[in-house]
Amino acid sequence: MLNLVFTLAVLAAPQANSASNTICPVLGLKVDGKSQIVTAKGRDYRICCADCEKNLKSNPDTYLDKNGNPKNAAKAMGSMEHEGHKH
């Protein structure tokens, strides 16, 4: 019974908002699972360097839209190919 209570408590706990971006929201450079993570506007973002951490934390509205999406994400998607065509 105690295991069931513990399992339910873990499932009910707020989940971390893990970083899922593949480009730095500041410079637009590629980032990966080894990149530094910084929190801004209540979400986690992977960044390419310490300078980008400082810039993102000090002025997140410059780099993130009102929903917290990186403003440069659309530019990165524009260069991607998907099933033989470009977006």
PDB file of N, CA and C in Angstrom:
ATOM      1  N   MET A   1       0.821  -1.196   0.000  1.00  0.00           N
ATOM      2  CA  MET A   1       0.000   0.000   0.000  1.00  0.00           C
ATOM      3  C   MET A   1       0.869   1.265   0.000  1.00  0.00           C
ATOM      4  N   LEU A   2       1.926   1.236   0.773  1.00  0.00           N
ATOM      5  CA  LEU A   2       2.822   2.385   0.837  1.00  0.00           C
ATOM      6  C   LEU A   2       3.461   2.649  -0.530  1.00  0.00           C
ATOM      7  N   ASN A   3       3.805   1.578  -1.239  1.00  0.00           N
ATOM      8  CA  ASN A   3       4.372   1.743  -2.581  1.00  0.00           C
ATOM      9  C   ASN A   3       3.375   2.417  -3.514  1.00  0.00           C
ATOM     10  N   LEU A   4       2.108   2.061  -3.404  1.00  0.00           N
ATOM     11  CA  LEU A   4       1.079   2.661  -4.241  1.00  0.00           C
ATOM     12  C   LEU A   4       0.955   4.156  -3.947  1.00  0.00           C
ATOM     13  N   VAL A   5       0.977   4.529  -2.686  1.00  0.00           N
ATOM     14  CA  VAL A   5       0.883   5.935  -2.292  1.00  0.00           C
ATOM     15  C   VAL A   5       2.091   6.708  -2.828  1.00  0.00           C
ATOM     16  N   PHE A   6       3.271   6.126  -2.700  1.00  0.00           N
ATOM     17  CA  PHE A   6       4.482   6.771  -3.193  1.00  0.00           C
ATOM     18  C   PHE A   6       4.414   6.953  -4.712  1.00  0.00           C
ATOM     19  N   THR A   7       4.000   5.938  -5.428  1.00  0.00           N
ATOM     20  CA  THR A   7       3.888   6.003  -6.885  1.00  0.00           C
ATOM     21  C   THR A   7       2.906   7.082  -7.304  1.00  0.00           C
ATOM     22  N   LEU A   8       1.773   7.154  -6.653  1.00  0.00           N
ATOM     23  CA  LEU A   8       0.785   8.172  -6.975  1.00  0.00           C
ATOM     24  C   LEU A   8       1.313   9.576  -6.689  1.00  0.00           C
ATOM     25  N   ALA A   9       2.072   9.722  -5.615  1.00  0.00           N
ATOM     26  CA  ALA A   9       2.640  11.024  -5.271  1.00  0.00           C
ATOM     27  C   ALA A   9       3.645  11.463  -6.328  1.00  0.00           C
ATOM     28  N   VAL A  10       4.441  10.537  -6.826  1.00  0.00           N
ATOM     29  CA  VAL A  10       5.427  10.862  -7.858  1.00  0.00           C
ATOM     30  C   VAL A  10       4.714  11.252  -9.147  1.00  0.00           C
ATOM     31  N   LEU A  11       3.670  10.528  -9.506  1.00  0.00           N
ATOM     32  CA  LEU A  11       2.931  10.830 -10.723  1.00  0.00           C
ATOM     33  C   LEU A  11       2.197  12.164 -10.641  1.00  0.00           C
ATOM     34  N   ALA A  12       1.768  12.537  -9.451  1.00  0.00           N
ATOM     35  CA  ALA A  12       1.022  13.779  -9.273  1.00  0.00           C
ATOM     36  C   ALA A  12       1.930  15.001  -9.166  1.00  0.00           C
ATOM     37  N   ALA A  13       3.217  14.786  -8.906  1.00  0.00           N
ATOM     38  CA  ALA A  13       4.148  15.899  -8.752  1.00  0.00           C
ATOM     39  C   ALA A  13       4.306  16.630 -10.085  1.00  0.00           C
ATOM     40  N   PRO A  14       4.491  17.948 -10.046  1.00  0.00           N
ATOM     41  CA  PRO A  14       4.694  18.693 -11.287  1.00  0.00           C
ATOM     42  C   PRO A  14       5.933  18.181 -12.011  1.00  0.00           C
ATOM     43  N   GLN A  15       5.821  18.006 -13.305  1.00  0.00           N
ATOM     44  CA  GLN A  15       6.935  17.526 -14.102  1.00  0.00           C
ATOM     45  C   GLN A  15       7.820  18.703 -14.495  1.00  0.00           C
ATOM     46  N   ALA A  16       9.114  18.428 -14.557  1.00  0.00           N
ATOM     47  CA  ALA A  16      10.051  19.456 -14.977  1.00  0.00           C
ATOM     48  C   ALA A  16       9.780  19.818 -16.431  1.00  0.00           C
ATOM     49  N   ASN A  17       9.946  21.073 -16.742  1.00  0.00           N
ATOM     50  CA  ASN A  17       9.734  21.551 -18.094  1.00  0.00           C
ATOM     51  C   ASN A  17      11.068  21.447 -18.824  1.00  0.00           C
ATOM     52  N   SER A  18      11.380  20.228 -19.295  1.00  0.00           N
ATOM     53  CA  SER A  18      12.693  19.986 -19.863  1.00  0.00           C
ATOM     54  C   SER A  18      12.876  20.732 -21.181  1.00  0.00           C
ATOM     55  N   ALA A  19      14.109  21.136 -21.413  1.00  0.00           N
ATOM     56  CA  ALA A  19      14.453  21.870 -22.622  1.00  0.00           C
ATOM     57  C   ALA A  19      14.330  20.957 -23.834  1.00  0.00           C
ATOM     58  N   SER A  20      13.644  21.441 -24.861  1.00  0.00           N
ATOM     59  CA  SER A  20      13.489  20.643 -26.071  1.00  0.00           C
ATOM     60  C   SER A  20      13.976  21.380 -27.318  1.00  0.00           C
ATOM     61  N   ASN A  21      14.486  22.602 -27.139  1.00  0.00           N
ATOM     62  CA  ASN A  21      14.951  23.357 -28.292  1.00  0.00           C
ATOM     63  C   ASN A  21      16.237  22.753 -28.867  1.00  0.00           C
ATOM     64  N   THR A  22      16.404  22.873 -30.168  1.00  0.00           N
ATOM     65  CA  THR A  22      17.587  22.337 -30.844  1.00  0.00           C
ATOM     66  C   THR A  22      18.516  23.437 -31.349  1.00  0.00           C
ATOM     67  N   ILE A  23      18.088  24.691 -31.197  1.00  0.00           N
ATOM     68  CA  ILE A  23      18.951  25.824 -31.514  1.00  0.00           C
ATOM     69  C   ILE A  23      18.914  26.808 -30.348  1.00  0.00           C
ATOM     70  N   CYS A  24      20.017  27.481 -30.151  1.00  0.00           N
ATOM     71  CA  CYS A  24      20.116  28.471 -29.075  1.00  0.00           C
ATOM     72  C   CYS A  24      19.149  29.614 -29.376  1.00  0.00           C
ATOM     73  N   PRO A  25      18.279  29.976 -28.424  1.00  0.00           N
ATOM     74  CA  PRO A  25      17.332  31.062 -28.660  1.00  0.00           C
ATOM     75  C   PRO A  25      17.999  32.423 -28.848  1.00  0.00           C
ATOM     76  N   VAL A  26      19.250  32.553 -28.446  1.00  0.00           N
ATOM     77  CA  VAL A  26      19.941  33.835 -28.556  1.00  0.00           C
ATOM     78  C   VAL A  26      20.710  33.937 -29.876  1.00  0.00           C
ATOM     79  N   LEU A  27      21.625  32.994 -30.129  1.00  0.00           N
ATOM     80  CA  LEU A  27      22.465  33.081 -31.321  1.00  0.00           C
ATOM     81  C   LEU A  27      21.991  32.221 -32.483  1.00  0.00           C
ATOM     82  N   GLY A  28      21.096  31.274 -32.224  1.00  0.00           N
ATOM     83  CA  GLY A  28      20.602  30.421 -33.296  1.00  0.00           C
ATOM     84  C   GLY A  28      21.527  29.277 -33.665  1.00  0.00           C
ATOM     85  N   LEU A  29      22.556  29.033 -32.857  1.00  0.00           N
ATOM     86  CA  LEU A  29      23.471  27.931 -33.115  1.00  0.00           C
ATOM     87  C   LEU A  29      22.860  26.621 -32.622  1.00  0.00           C
ATOM     88  N   LYS A  30      23.274  25.498 -33.217  1.00  0.00           N
ATOM     89  CA  LYS A  30      22.752  24.201 -32.811  1.00  0.00           C
ATOM     90  C   LYS A  30      23.150  23.886 -31.373  1.00  0.00           C
ATOM     91  N   VAL A  31      22.212  23.306 -30.629  1.00  0.00           N
ATOM     92  CA  VAL A  31      22.460  22.829 -29.271  1.00  0.00           C
ATOM     93  C   VAL A  31      22.009  21.381 -29.198  1.00  0.00           C
ATOM     94  N   ASP A  32      22.518  20.663 -28.191  1.00  0.00           N
ATOM     95  CA  ASP A  32      22.141  19.267 -28.040  1.00  0.00           C
ATOM     96  C   ASP A  32      21.984  18.918 -26.568  1.00  0.00           C
ATOM     97  N   GLY A  33      21.844  17.649 -26.268  1.00  0.00           N
ATOM     98  CA  GLY A  33      21.621  17.196 -24.899  1.00  0.00           C
ATOM     99  C   GLY A  33      22.754  17.505 -23.936  1.00  0.00           C
ATOM    100  N   LYS A  34      23.909  17.862 -24.460  1.00  0.00           N
ATOM    101  CA  LYS A  34      25.053  18.204 -23.612  1.00  0.00           C
ATOM    102  C   LYS A  34      25.156  19.705 -23.349  1.00  0.00           C
ATOM    103  N   SER A  35      24.322  20.481 -24.018  1.00  0.00           N
ATOM    104  CA  SER A  35      24.370  21.938 -23.890  1.00  0.00           C
ATOM    105  C   SER A  35      23.836  22.395 -22.534  1.00  0.00           C
ATOM    106  N   GLN A  36      24.324  23.529 -22.091  1.00  0.00           N
ATOM    107  CA  GLN A  36      23.887  24.131 -20.829  1.00  0.00           C
ATOM    108  C   GLN A  36      22.409  24.477 -20.915  1.00  0.00           C
ATOM    109  N   ILE A  37      21.709  24.352 -19.794  1.00  0.00           N
ATOM    110  CA  ILE A  37      20.283  24.673 -19.719  1.00  0.00           C
ATOM    111  C   ILE A  37      20.098  25.890 -18.820  1.00  0.00           C
ATOM    112  N   VAL A  38      19.237  26.798 -19.268  1.00  0.00           N
ATOM    113  CA  VAL A  38      18.908  27.988 -18.489  1.00  0.00           C
ATOM    114  C   VAL A  38      17.381  28.108 -18.441  1.00  0.00           C
ATOM    115  N   THR A  39      16.868  28.637 -17.339  1.00  0.00           N
ATOM    116  CA  THR A  39      15.428  28.824 -17.191  1.00  0.00           C
ATOM    117  C   THR A  39      15.089  30.291 -17.398  1.00  0.00           C
ATOM    118  N   ALA A  40      14.095  30.517 -18.261  1.00  0.00           N
ATOM    119  CA  ALA A  40      13.595  31.867 -18.521  1.00  0.00           C
ATOM    120  C   ALA A  40      12.100  31.755 -18.776  1.00  0.00           C
ATOM    121  N   LYS A  41      11.347  32.694 -18.261  1.00  0.00           N
ATOM    122  CA  LYS A  41       9.888  32.700 -18.399  1.00  0.00           C
ATOM    123  C   LYS A  41       9.275  31.362 -17.958  1.00  0.00           C
ATOM    124  N   GLY A  42       9.875  30.736 -16.943  1.00  0.00           N
ATOM    125  CA  GLY A  42       9.331  29.505 -16.384  1.00  0.00           C
ATOM    126  C   GLY A  42       9.587  28.257 -17.207  1.00  0.00           C
ATOM    127  N   ARG A  43      10.407  28.356 -18.240  1.00  0.00           N
ATOM    128  CA  ARG A  43      10.729  27.201 -19.077  1.00  0.00           C
ATOM    129  C   ARG A  43      12.230  27.038 -19.194  1.00  0.00           C
ATOM    130  N   ASP A  44      12.650  25.822 -19.501  1.00  0.00           N
ATOM    131  CA  ASP A  44      14.070  25.537 -19.688  1.00  0.00           C
ATOM    132  C   ASP A  44      14.427  25.605 -21.164  1.00  0.00           C
ATOM    133  N   TYR A  45      15.607  26.152 -21.433  1.00  0.00           N
ATOM    134  CA  TYR A  45      16.116  26.275 -22.802  1.00  0.00           C
ATOM    135  C   TYR A  45      17.573  25.863 -22.819  1.00  0.00           C
ATOM    136  N   ARG A  46      17.956  25.144 -23.859  1.00  0.00           N
ATOM    137  CA  ARG A  46      19.370  24.836 -24.065  1.00  0.00           C
ATOM    138  C   ARG A  46      19.989  26.048 -24.760  1.00  0.00           C
ATOM    139  N   ILE A  47      21.197  26.402 -24.323  1.00  0.00           N
ATOM    140  CA  ILE A  47      21.897  27.544 -24.897  1.00  0.00           C
ATOM    141  C   ILE A  47      23.307  27.108 -25.288  1.00  0.00           C
ATOM    142  N   CYS A  48      23.958  27.904 -26.122  1.00  0.00           N
ATOM    143  CA  CYS A  48      25.267  27.498 -26.630  1.00  0.00           C
ATOM    144  C   CYS A  48      26.438  27.979 -25.772  1.00  0.00           C
ATOM    145  N   CYS A  49      26.251  29.015 -24.946  1.00  0.00           N
ATOM    146  CA  CYS A  49      27.385  29.531 -24.176  1.00  0.00           C
ATOM    147  C   CYS A  49      26.914  30.383 -22.987  1.00  0.00           C
ATOM    148  N   ALA A  50      27.848  30.722 -22.131  1.00  0.00           N
ATOM    149  CA  ALA A  50      27.538  31.507 -20.931  1.00  0.00           C
ATOM    150  C   ALA A  50      27.040  32.908 -21.267  1.00  0.00           C
ATOM    151  N   ASP A  51      27.551  33.516 -22.343  1.00  0.00           N
ATOM    152  CA  ASP A  51      27.068  34.846 -22.733  1.00  0.00           C
ATOM    153  C   ASP A  51      25.587  34.792 -23.085  1.00  0.00           C
ATOM    154  N   CYS A  52      25.173  33.697 -23.740  1.00  0.00           N
ATOM    155  CA  CYS A  52      23.755  33.562 -24.092  1.00  0.00           C
ATOM    156  C   CYS A  52      22.902  33.380 -22.843  1.00  0.00           C
ATOM    157  N   GLU A  53      23.440  32.722 -21.831  1.00  0.00           N
ATOM    158  CA  GLU A  53      22.707  32.595 -20.567  1.00  0.00           C
ATOM    159  C   GLU A  53      22.434  33.976 -19.989  1.00  0.00           C
ATOM    160  N   LYS A  54      23.468  34.797 -19.943  1.00  0.00           N
ATOM    161  CA  LYS A  54      23.339  36.152 -19.395  1.00  0.00           C
ATOM    162  C   LYS A  54      22.311  36.955 -20.200  1.00  0.00           C
ATOM    163  N   ASN A  55      22.386  36.884 -21.525  1.00  0.00           N
ATOM    164  CA  ASN A  55      21.471  37.648 -22.377  1.00  0.00           C
ATOM    165  C   ASN A  55      20.033  37.168 -22.253  1.00  0.00           C
ATOM    166  N   LEU A  56      19.842  35.856 -22.243  1.00  0.00           N
ATOM    167  CA  LEU A  56      18.489  35.312 -22.152  1.00  0.00           C
ATOM    168  C   LEU A  56      17.854  35.633 -20.800  1.00  0.00           C
ATOM    169  N   LYS A  57      18.628  35.505 -19.736  1.00  0.00           N
ATOM    170  CA  LYS A  57      18.090  35.806 -18.404  1.00  0.00           C
ATOM    171  C   LYS A  57      17.801  37.293 -18.220  1.00  0.00           C
ATOM    172  N   SER A  58      18.637  38.152 -18.762  1.00  0.00           N
ATOM    173  CA  SER A  58      18.468  39.584 -18.524  1.00  0.00           C
ATOM    174  C   SER A  58      17.388  40.205 -19.406  1.00  0.00           C
ATOM    175  N   ASN A  59      17.110  39.619 -20.570  1.00  0.00           N
ATOM    176  CA  ASN A  59      16.110  40.197 -21.459  1.00  0.00           C
ATOM    177  C   ASN A  59      15.410  39.107 -22.274  1.00  0.00           C
ATOM    178  N   PRO A  60      14.636  38.239 -21.607  1.00  0.00           N
ATOM    179  CA  PRO A  60      14.013  37.115 -22.304  1.00  0.00           C
ATOM    180  C   PRO A  60      13.045  37.528 -23.412  1.00  0.00           C
ATOM    181  N   ASP A  61      12.394  38.684 -23.284  1.00  0.00           N
ATOM    182  CA  ASP A  61      11.432  39.106 -24.306  1.00  0.00           C
ATOM    183  C   ASP A  61      12.095  39.402 -25.652  1.00  0.00           C
ATOM    184  N   THR A  62      13.371  39.654 -25.652  1.00  0.00           N
ATOM    185  CA  THR A  62      14.093  39.868 -26.895  1.00  0.00           C
ATOM    186  C   THR A  62      14.184  38.576 -27.701  1.00  0.00           C
ATOM    187  N   TYR A  63      14.269  37.450 -26.996  1.00  0.00           N
ATOM    188  CA  TYR A  63      14.533  36.163 -27.648  1.00  0.00           C
ATOM    189  C   TYR A  63      13.346  35.198 -27.647  1.00  0.00           C
ATOM    190  N   LEU A  64      12.360  35.446 -26.785  1.00  0.00           N
ATOM    191  CA  LEU A  64      11.222  34.542 -26.648  1.00  0.00           C
ATOM    192  C   LEU A  64       9.925  35.281 -26.929  1.00  0.00           C
ATOM    193  N   ASP A  65       8.997  34.602 -27.615  1.00  0.00           N
ATOM    194  CA  ASP A  65       7.707  35.237 -27.861  1.00  0.00           C
ATOM    195  C   ASP A  65       6.847  35.177 -26.598  1.00  0.00           C
ATOM    196  N   LYS A  66       5.630  35.684 -26.674  1.00  0.00           N
ATOM    197  CA  LYS A  66       4.775  35.760 -25.481  1.00  0.00           C
ATOM    198  C   LYS A  66       4.431  34.386 -24.916  1.00  0.00           C
ATOM    199  N   ASN A  67       4.519  33.328 -25.730  1.00  0.00           N
ATOM    200  CA  ASN A  67       4.252  31.970 -25.261  1.00  0.00           C
ATOM    201  C   ASN A  67       5.507  31.257 -24.786  1.00  0.00           C
ATOM    202  N   GLY A  68       6.653  31.933 -24.852  1.00  0.00           N
ATOM    203  CA  GLY A  68       7.905  31.334 -24.416  1.00  0.00           C
ATOM    204  C   GLY A  68       8.635  30.572 -25.503  1.00  0.00           C
ATOM    205  N   ASN A  69       8.158  30.647 -26.733  1.00  0.00           N
ATOM    206  CA  ASN A  69       8.839  29.978 -27.839  1.00  0.00           C
ATOM    207  C   ASN A  69       9.972  30.858 -28.344  1.00  0.00           C
ATOM    208  N   PRO A  70      11.126  30.250 -28.664  1.00  0.00           N
ATOM    209  CA  PRO A  70      12.225  31.053 -29.213  1.00  0.00           C
ATOM    210  C   PRO A  70      11.791  31.738 -30.503  1.00  0.00           C
ATOM    211  N   LYS A  71      12.045  33.029 -30.602  1.00  0.00           N
ATOM    212  CA  LYS A  71      11.657  33.788 -31.796  1.00  0.00           C
ATOM    213  C   LYS A  71      12.405  33.310 -33.035  1.00  0.00           C
ATOM    214  N   ASN A  72      13.585  32.750 -32.857  1.00  0.00           N
ATOM    215  CA  ASN A  72      14.355  32.289 -34.008  1.00  0.00           C
ATOM    216  C   ASN A  72      13.983  30.862 -34.421  1.00  0.00           C
ATOM    217  N   ALA A  73      13.016  30.244 -33.766  1.00  0.00           N
ATOM    218  CA  ALA A  73      12.611  28.872 -34.104  1.00  0.00           C
ATOM    219  C   ALA A  73      12.012  28.803 -35.501  1.00  0.00           C
ATOM    220  N   ALA A  74      11.229  29.792 -35.907  1.00  0.00           N
ATOM    221  CA  ALA A  74      10.620  29.789 -37.239  1.00  0.00           C
ATOM    222  C   ALA A  74      11.693  29.869 -38.318  1.00  0.00           C
ATOM    223  N   LYS A  75      12.737  30.640 -38.067  1.00  0.00           N
ATOM    224  CA  LYS A  75      13.826  30.757 -39.021  1.00  0.00           C
ATOM    225  C   LYS A  75      14.525  29.407 -39.183  1.00  0.00           C
ATOM    226  N   ALA A  76      14.737  28.699 -38.072  1.00  0.00           N
ATOM    227  CA  ALA A  76      15.390  27.395 -38.130  1.00  0.00           C
ATOM    228  C   ALA A  76      14.512  26.388 -38.859  1.00  0.00           C
ATOM    229  N   MET A  77      13.201  26.435 -38.629  1.00  0.00           N
ATOM    230  CA  MET A  77      12.282  25.514 -39.292  1.00  0.00           C
ATOM    231  C   MET A  77      12.240  25.791 -40.789  1.00  0.00           C
ATOM    232  N   GLY A  78      12.430  27.028 -41.196  1.00  0.00           N
ATOM    233  CA  GLY A  78      12.391  27.383 -42.600  1.00  0.00           C
ATOM    234  C   GLY A  78      13.495  26.733 -43.404  1.00  0.00           C
ATOM    235  N   SER A  79      14.576  26.347 -42.741  1.00  0.00           N
ATOM    236  CA  SER A  79      15.685  25.737 -43.465  1.00  0.00           C
ATOM    237  C   SER A  79      15.642  24.215 -43.409  1.00  0.00           C
ATOM    238  N   MET A  80      14.651  23.648 -42.750  1.00  0.00           N
ATOM    239  CA  MET A  80      14.585  22.199 -42.605  1.00  0.00           C
ATOM    240  C   MET A  80      13.842  21.568 -43.777  1.00  0.00           C
ATOM    241  N   GLU A  81      14.293  20.409 -44.170  1.00  0.00           N
ATOM    242  CA  GLU A  81      13.584  19.640 -45.178  1.00  0.00           C
ATOM    243  C   GLU A  81      12.780  18.559 -44.486  1.00  0.00           C
ATOM    244  N   HIS A  82      11.632  18.251 -45.042  1.00  0.00           N
ATOM    245  CA  HIS A  82      10.779  17.240 -44.460  1.00  0.00           C
ATOM    246  C   HIS A  82      10.145  16.454 -45.590  1.00  0.00           C
ATOM    247  N   GLU A  83      10.454  15.175 -45.661  1.00  0.00           N
ATOM    248  CA  GLU A  83       9.897  14.288 -46.677  1.00  0.00           C
ATOM    249  C   GLU A  83       9.972  14.877 -48.075  1.00  0.00           C
ATOM    250  N   GLY A  84      11.159  15.387 -48.427  1.00  0.00           N
ATOM    251  CA  GLY A  84      11.383  15.836 -49.795  1.00  0.00           C
ATOM    252  C   GLY A  84      10.969  17.261 -50.112  1.00  0.00           C
ATOM    253  N   HIS A  85      10.433  17.979 -49.138  1.00  0.00           N
ATOM    254  CA  HIS A  85      10.068  19.368 -49.399  1.00  0.00           C
ATOM    255  C   HIS A  85      10.526  20.239 -48.247  1.00  0.00           C
ATOM    256  N   LYS A  86      10.631  21.505 -48.538  1.00  0.00           N
ATOM    257  CA  LYS A  86      11.070  22.453 -47.505  1.00  0.00           C
ATOM    258  C   LYS A  86       9.882  23.140 -46.893  1.00  0.00           C
ATOM    259  N   HIS A  87      10.020  23.511 -45.637  1.00  0.00           N
ATOM    260  CA  HIS A  87       8.965  24.254 -44.943  1.00  0.00           C
ATOM    261  C   HIS A  87       9.296  25.712 -44.980  1.00  0.00           C
TER     262      HIS A  87
END
